[in-house]
Amino acid sequence: MDEIVPISVYNVRGRVPDVGSWCALENDVADSPAFVWLCEQLQEQTRLDRIEVRGTVRIALKLGGFDPERVRAAQMRVVIERVLPRELVARGVDDAEALCRRLGASLPMEDDARPRESAPDVFGRLSGAPRTIPGDE
């Protein structure tokens, strides 16, 4: 008998994608350097696996109103200090407050040389409004 799989995991041919397809989908996303750095550090310093770490950081970023693809180091520092400790405690990480203080203090800031988002871009992103390209109005 066929395995029962929720419809949301079927691909266009009606079959469940293989593990390689899932990995390829995850790697298509270009996450910010701050996101990648934080995930690597949490994997090394906690018992959480790669998927748990990435999911936890994504939740913390969402709660802070940021996108993993565009979050800057200064914004990530705020998330590390104010949101992430609660998420790590919920996942059983010991001494999450101290860990987050260390991570916030050691977060590299070199990605802050990228162009900054304008206020309308930020509010548009948060509201889910489509982005406009200058000259295409």
Protein backbone atom coordinates (compact mmCIF):
# COMPACT_ATOMS: atom_id res chain seq x y z
CA MET A 1 0.00 0.00 0.00
CA ASP A 2 1.24 3.51 -0.77
CA GLU A 3 2.53 5.68 2.04
CA ILE A 4 0.11 8.46 3.04
CA VAL A 5 1.83 11.80 2.50
CA PRO A 6 0.24 15.26 2.92
CA ILE A 7 -0.53 16.81 -0.47
CA SER A 8 1.71 19.80 0.27
CA VAL A 9 4.85 17.68 -0.09
CA TYR A 10 4.01 16.30 -3.54
CA ASN A 11 5.87 17.68 -6.52
CA VAL A 12 4.20 18.52 -9.84
CA ARG A 13 4.23 14.87 -10.97
CA GLY A 14 2.35 13.76 -7.85
CA ARG A 15 5.36 12.10 -6.25
CA VAL A 16 7.24 12.90 -3.08
CA PRO A 17 10.58 14.59 -3.94
CA ASP A 18 13.71 12.69 -2.92
CA VAL A 19 15.99 13.96 -0.15
CA GLY A 20 18.34 15.56 -2.68
CA SER A 21 15.48 17.71 -3.97
CA TRP A 22 14.74 18.97 -0.48
CA CYS A 23 18.39 19.87 0.06
CA ALA A 24 18.56 21.63 -3.30
CA LEU A 25 15.50 23.70 -2.42
CA GLU A 26 17.05 24.83 0.85
CA ASN A 27 20.32 25.79 -0.81
CA ASP A 28 18.54 28.00 -3.39
CA VAL A 29 18.00 30.68 -0.75
CA ALA A 30 20.80 33.23 -0.45
CA ASP A 31 20.83 33.95 3.26
CA SER A 32 22.64 36.97 4.63
CA PRO A 33 26.17 36.60 6.02
CA ALA A 34 24.87 37.42 9.52
CA PHE A 35 22.28 34.62 9.31
CA VAL A 36 24.82 32.08 8.08
CA TRP A 37 27.35 33.09 10.75
CA LEU A 38 24.82 32.84 13.58
CA CYS A 39 23.56 29.44 12.44
CA GLU A 40 27.10 28.08 12.26
CA GLN A 41 27.90 29.38 15.74
CA LEU A 42 24.73 27.93 17.26
CA GLN A 43 25.41 24.54 15.67
CA GLU A 44 28.89 24.49 17.17
CA GLN A 45 27.88 25.75 20.62
CA THR A 46 24.58 23.92 21.25
CA ARG A 47 23.17 20.43 20.83
CA LEU A 48 20.71 21.63 18.19
CA ASP A 49 21.12 20.18 14.70
CA ARG A 50 21.31 22.22 11.49
CA ILE A 51 17.58 22.19 10.80
CA GLU A 52 16.67 23.10 14.39
CA VAL A 53 19.18 25.96 14.41
CA ARG A 54 18.06 27.43 11.08
CA GLY A 55 14.39 27.15 12.04
CA THR A 56 14.98 28.74 15.44
CA VAL A 57 16.92 31.65 13.94
CA ARG A 58 14.26 32.14 11.25
CA ILE A 59 11.53 32.26 13.92
CA ALA A 60 13.52 34.77 15.99
CA LEU A 61 14.07 36.94 12.90
CA LYS A 62 10.39 36.79 12.00
CA LEU A 63 9.43 37.82 15.53
CA GLY A 64 11.85 40.74 15.17
CA GLY A 65 10.43 41.70 11.77
CA PHE A 66 13.51 40.75 9.72
CA ASP A 67 14.18 38.56 6.70
CA PRO A 68 17.04 35.99 6.77
CA GLU A 69 18.04 37.01 3.25
CA ARG A 70 18.41 40.70 4.06
CA VAL A 71 19.15 40.97 7.77
CA ARG A 72 22.19 43.09 8.52
CA ALA A 73 24.66 42.44 11.32
CA ALA A 74 23.41 45.35 13.46
CA GLN A 75 19.83 44.08 13.14
CA MET A 76 20.93 40.54 13.90
CA ARG A 77 22.64 41.75 17.06
CA VAL A 78 19.32 43.15 18.30
CA VAL A 79 17.58 39.85 17.55
CA ILE A 80 20.36 37.92 19.31
CA GLU A 81 20.07 40.08 22.41
CA ARG A 82 16.28 40.50 22.64
CA VAL A 83 14.51 37.62 20.91
CA LEU A 84 16.84 34.65 20.50
CA PRO A 85 17.40 33.87 24.22
CA ARG A 86 13.69 33.09 24.71
CA GLU A 87 13.64 30.86 21.61
CA LEU A 88 16.74 28.95 22.75
CA VAL A 89 15.33 28.43 26.25
CA ALA A 90 12.15 27.02 24.66
CA ARG A 91 14.36 24.49 22.87
CA GLY A 92 16.19 23.40 26.01
CA VAL A 93 19.49 25.27 25.48
CA ASP A 94 21.28 25.75 28.80
CA ASP A 95 22.36 29.29 29.78
CA ALA A 96 20.88 30.83 26.62
CA GLU A 97 21.26 34.38 27.97
CA ALA A 98 25.03 34.06 28.40
CA LEU A 99 25.40 32.33 25.03
CA CYS A 100 23.50 35.15 23.31
CA ARG A 101 25.61 37.81 25.06
CA ARG A 102 28.78 36.11 23.75
CA LEU A 103 27.34 35.74 20.24
CA GLY A 104 26.17 39.36 20.15
CA ALA A 105 29.60 40.58 21.22
CA SER A 106 31.44 38.47 18.64
CA LEU A 107 29.13 39.02 15.65
CA PRO A 108 31.20 40.27 12.68
CA MET A 109 29.97 43.61 11.36
CA GLU A 110 31.59 43.60 7.88
CA ASP A 111 28.30 43.11 6.02
CA ASP A 112 27.16 46.59 7.07
CA ALA A 113 28.89 48.00 3.98
CA ARG A 114 25.89 46.89 1.88
CA PRO A 115 23.37 49.55 0.79
CA ARG A 116 20.74 50.24 3.44
CA GLU A 117 17.04 49.75 2.86
CA SER A 118 14.96 52.91 2.75
CA ALA A 119 12.10 53.38 5.23
CA PRO A 120 9.45 52.80 2.52
CA ASP A 121 11.20 49.54 1.54
CA VAL A 122 11.21 48.34 5.15
CA PHE A 123 7.54 49.17 5.75
CA GLY A 124 6.59 47.71 2.38
CA ARG A 125 8.45 44.50 3.21
CA LEU A 126 6.76 44.25 6.59
CA SER A 127 3.30 44.88 5.10
CA GLY A 128 3.85 42.39 2.29
CA ALA A 129 3.34 45.08 -0.37
CA PRO A 130 5.00 44.46 -3.74
CA ARG A 131 8.29 46.26 -4.32
CA THR A 132 8.52 48.92 -6.99
CA ILE A 133 11.55 49.53 -9.13
CA PRO A 134 12.45 53.21 -9.67
CA GLY A 135 11.32 54.27 -13.14
CA ASP A 136 8.69 51.51 -13.40
CA GLU A 137 5.91 53.40 -11.61
